[in-house]
């Protein structure tokens, strides 16, 4: 079974992360903010680096979009570390786009 970072596992207890306290986090949809997350939940994110910075050693890029932007899969608990990292300008949590028919 392939792991899907977008689906919550209802069997585990979740420690809520206060997304509103994260200043580098770009705005989230209401449904994404309402979903409880534990520190171990996996999130797909887009990371934007400050000018001249290289990606932090604790984040492994999945794909490079430009010299300053890349995607990565991180633990939700890493958001607090990203918040204090001076090399990171912003981070955006990926979400599914609606199906266009």
Protein backbone atom coordinates (compact mmCIF):
# COMPACT_ATOMS: atom_id res chain seq x y z
CA UNK A 1 0.00 0.00 0.00
CA UNK A 2 1.47 3.34 -1.04
CA UNK A 3 1.68 6.05 1.64
CA UNK A 4 -0.53 9.05 0.88
CA UNK A 5 0.56 12.16 2.85
CA UNK A 6 -2.84 13.75 2.25
CA UNK A 7 -4.89 11.12 4.06
CA UNK A 8 -5.07 11.28 7.83
CA UNK A 9 -4.79 8.11 9.85
CA UNK A 10 -7.77 8.20 12.20
CA UNK A 11 -6.42 5.46 14.47
CA UNK A 12 -3.60 7.58 15.90
CA UNK A 13 -3.87 10.40 18.37
CA UNK A 14 -2.91 13.78 16.91
CA UNK A 15 -1.15 16.65 18.62
CA UNK A 16 -2.46 19.77 16.93
CA UNK A 17 0.06 22.07 15.27
CA UNK A 18 -0.91 25.73 15.39
CA UNK A 19 -0.48 26.67 11.72
CA UNK A 20 -1.43 30.29 12.49
CA UNK A 21 1.69 30.71 14.64
CA UNK A 22 4.00 29.94 11.69
CA UNK A 23 4.86 33.24 9.98
CA UNK A 24 6.74 31.67 7.04
CA UNK A 25 3.85 29.36 6.20
CA UNK A 26 1.80 30.61 3.27
CA UNK A 27 -1.96 30.65 3.77
CA UNK A 28 -3.78 27.33 3.99
CA UNK A 29 -7.29 26.37 3.04
CA UNK A 30 -9.73 26.20 5.95
CA UNK A 31 -9.99 22.43 5.59
CA UNK A 32 -6.20 22.05 5.82
CA UNK A 33 -6.08 24.20 8.96
CA UNK A 34 -8.91 22.25 10.57
CA UNK A 35 -7.30 18.84 10.05
CA UNK A 36 -5.34 17.85 13.19
CA UNK A 37 -1.71 16.96 12.52
CA UNK A 38 0.85 15.21 14.68
CA UNK A 39 4.57 15.94 14.51
CA UNK A 40 5.13 12.67 12.64
CA UNK A 41 2.62 13.35 9.84
CA UNK A 42 4.32 13.61 6.46
CA UNK A 43 3.69 16.75 4.41
CA UNK A 44 4.64 17.63 0.86
CA UNK A 45 5.84 21.24 0.83
CA UNK A 46 7.24 23.85 -1.52
CA UNK A 47 10.19 25.69 0.00
CA UNK A 48 11.42 29.10 -1.13
CA UNK A 49 14.98 29.98 -0.14
CA UNK A 50 16.36 33.44 0.50
CA UNK A 51 18.62 34.92 -2.19
CA UNK A 52 22.01 33.16 -2.24
CA UNK A 53 20.99 30.42 0.24
CA UNK A 54 21.37 26.68 -0.32
CA UNK A 55 18.87 24.10 0.89
CA UNK A 56 19.25 23.15 4.56
CA UNK A 57 20.87 19.79 5.26
CA UNK A 58 17.81 18.55 7.18
CA UNK A 59 15.55 18.86 4.10
CA UNK A 60 16.01 16.58 1.08
CA UNK A 61 14.64 18.19 -2.10
CA UNK A 62 12.32 15.98 -4.17
CA UNK A 63 12.35 18.24 -7.22
CA UNK A 64 13.92 21.60 -8.04
CA UNK A 65 11.56 24.17 -9.53
CA UNK A 66 14.12 26.98 -9.72
CA UNK A 67 17.39 27.92 -8.03
CA UNK A 68 15.39 29.21 -5.04
CA UNK A 69 12.34 26.90 -4.98
CA UNK A 70 12.09 23.13 -4.47
CA UNK A 71 9.59 20.55 -3.26
CA UNK A 72 10.23 18.23 -0.35
CA UNK A 73 8.47 15.76 1.93
CA UNK A 74 8.93 16.61 5.60
CA UNK A 75 7.55 15.67 9.01
CA UNK A 76 5.00 18.21 10.26
CA UNK A 77 7.26 18.67 13.28
CA UNK A 78 9.93 20.17 10.99
CA UNK A 79 7.72 23.24 10.38
CA UNK A 80 8.90 24.75 13.67
CA UNK A 81 12.53 24.30 12.60
CA UNK A 82 11.80 25.81 9.19
CA UNK A 83 10.20 28.78 10.95
CA UNK A 84 13.49 29.63 12.67
CA UNK A 85 15.77 28.85 9.69
CA UNK A 86 17.19 32.11 8.27
CA UNK A 87 17.88 30.52 4.87
CA UNK A 88 14.18 29.85 4.22
CA UNK A 89 11.97 32.68 3.03
CA UNK A 90 8.65 30.79 2.97
CA UNK A 91 7.04 27.36 2.87
CA UNK A 92 3.75 26.24 1.37
CA UNK A 93 2.00 22.96 2.17
CA UNK A 94 0.90 21.19 -0.98
CA UNK A 95 -2.76 20.32 -1.37
CA UNK A 96 -4.80 18.48 -3.93
CA UNK A 97 -6.32 20.53 -6.68
CA UNK A 98 -9.94 19.95 -7.63
CA UNK A 99 -10.56 17.68 -10.58
CA UNK A 100 -11.46 19.60 -13.71
CA UNK A 101 -13.83 17.70 -15.97
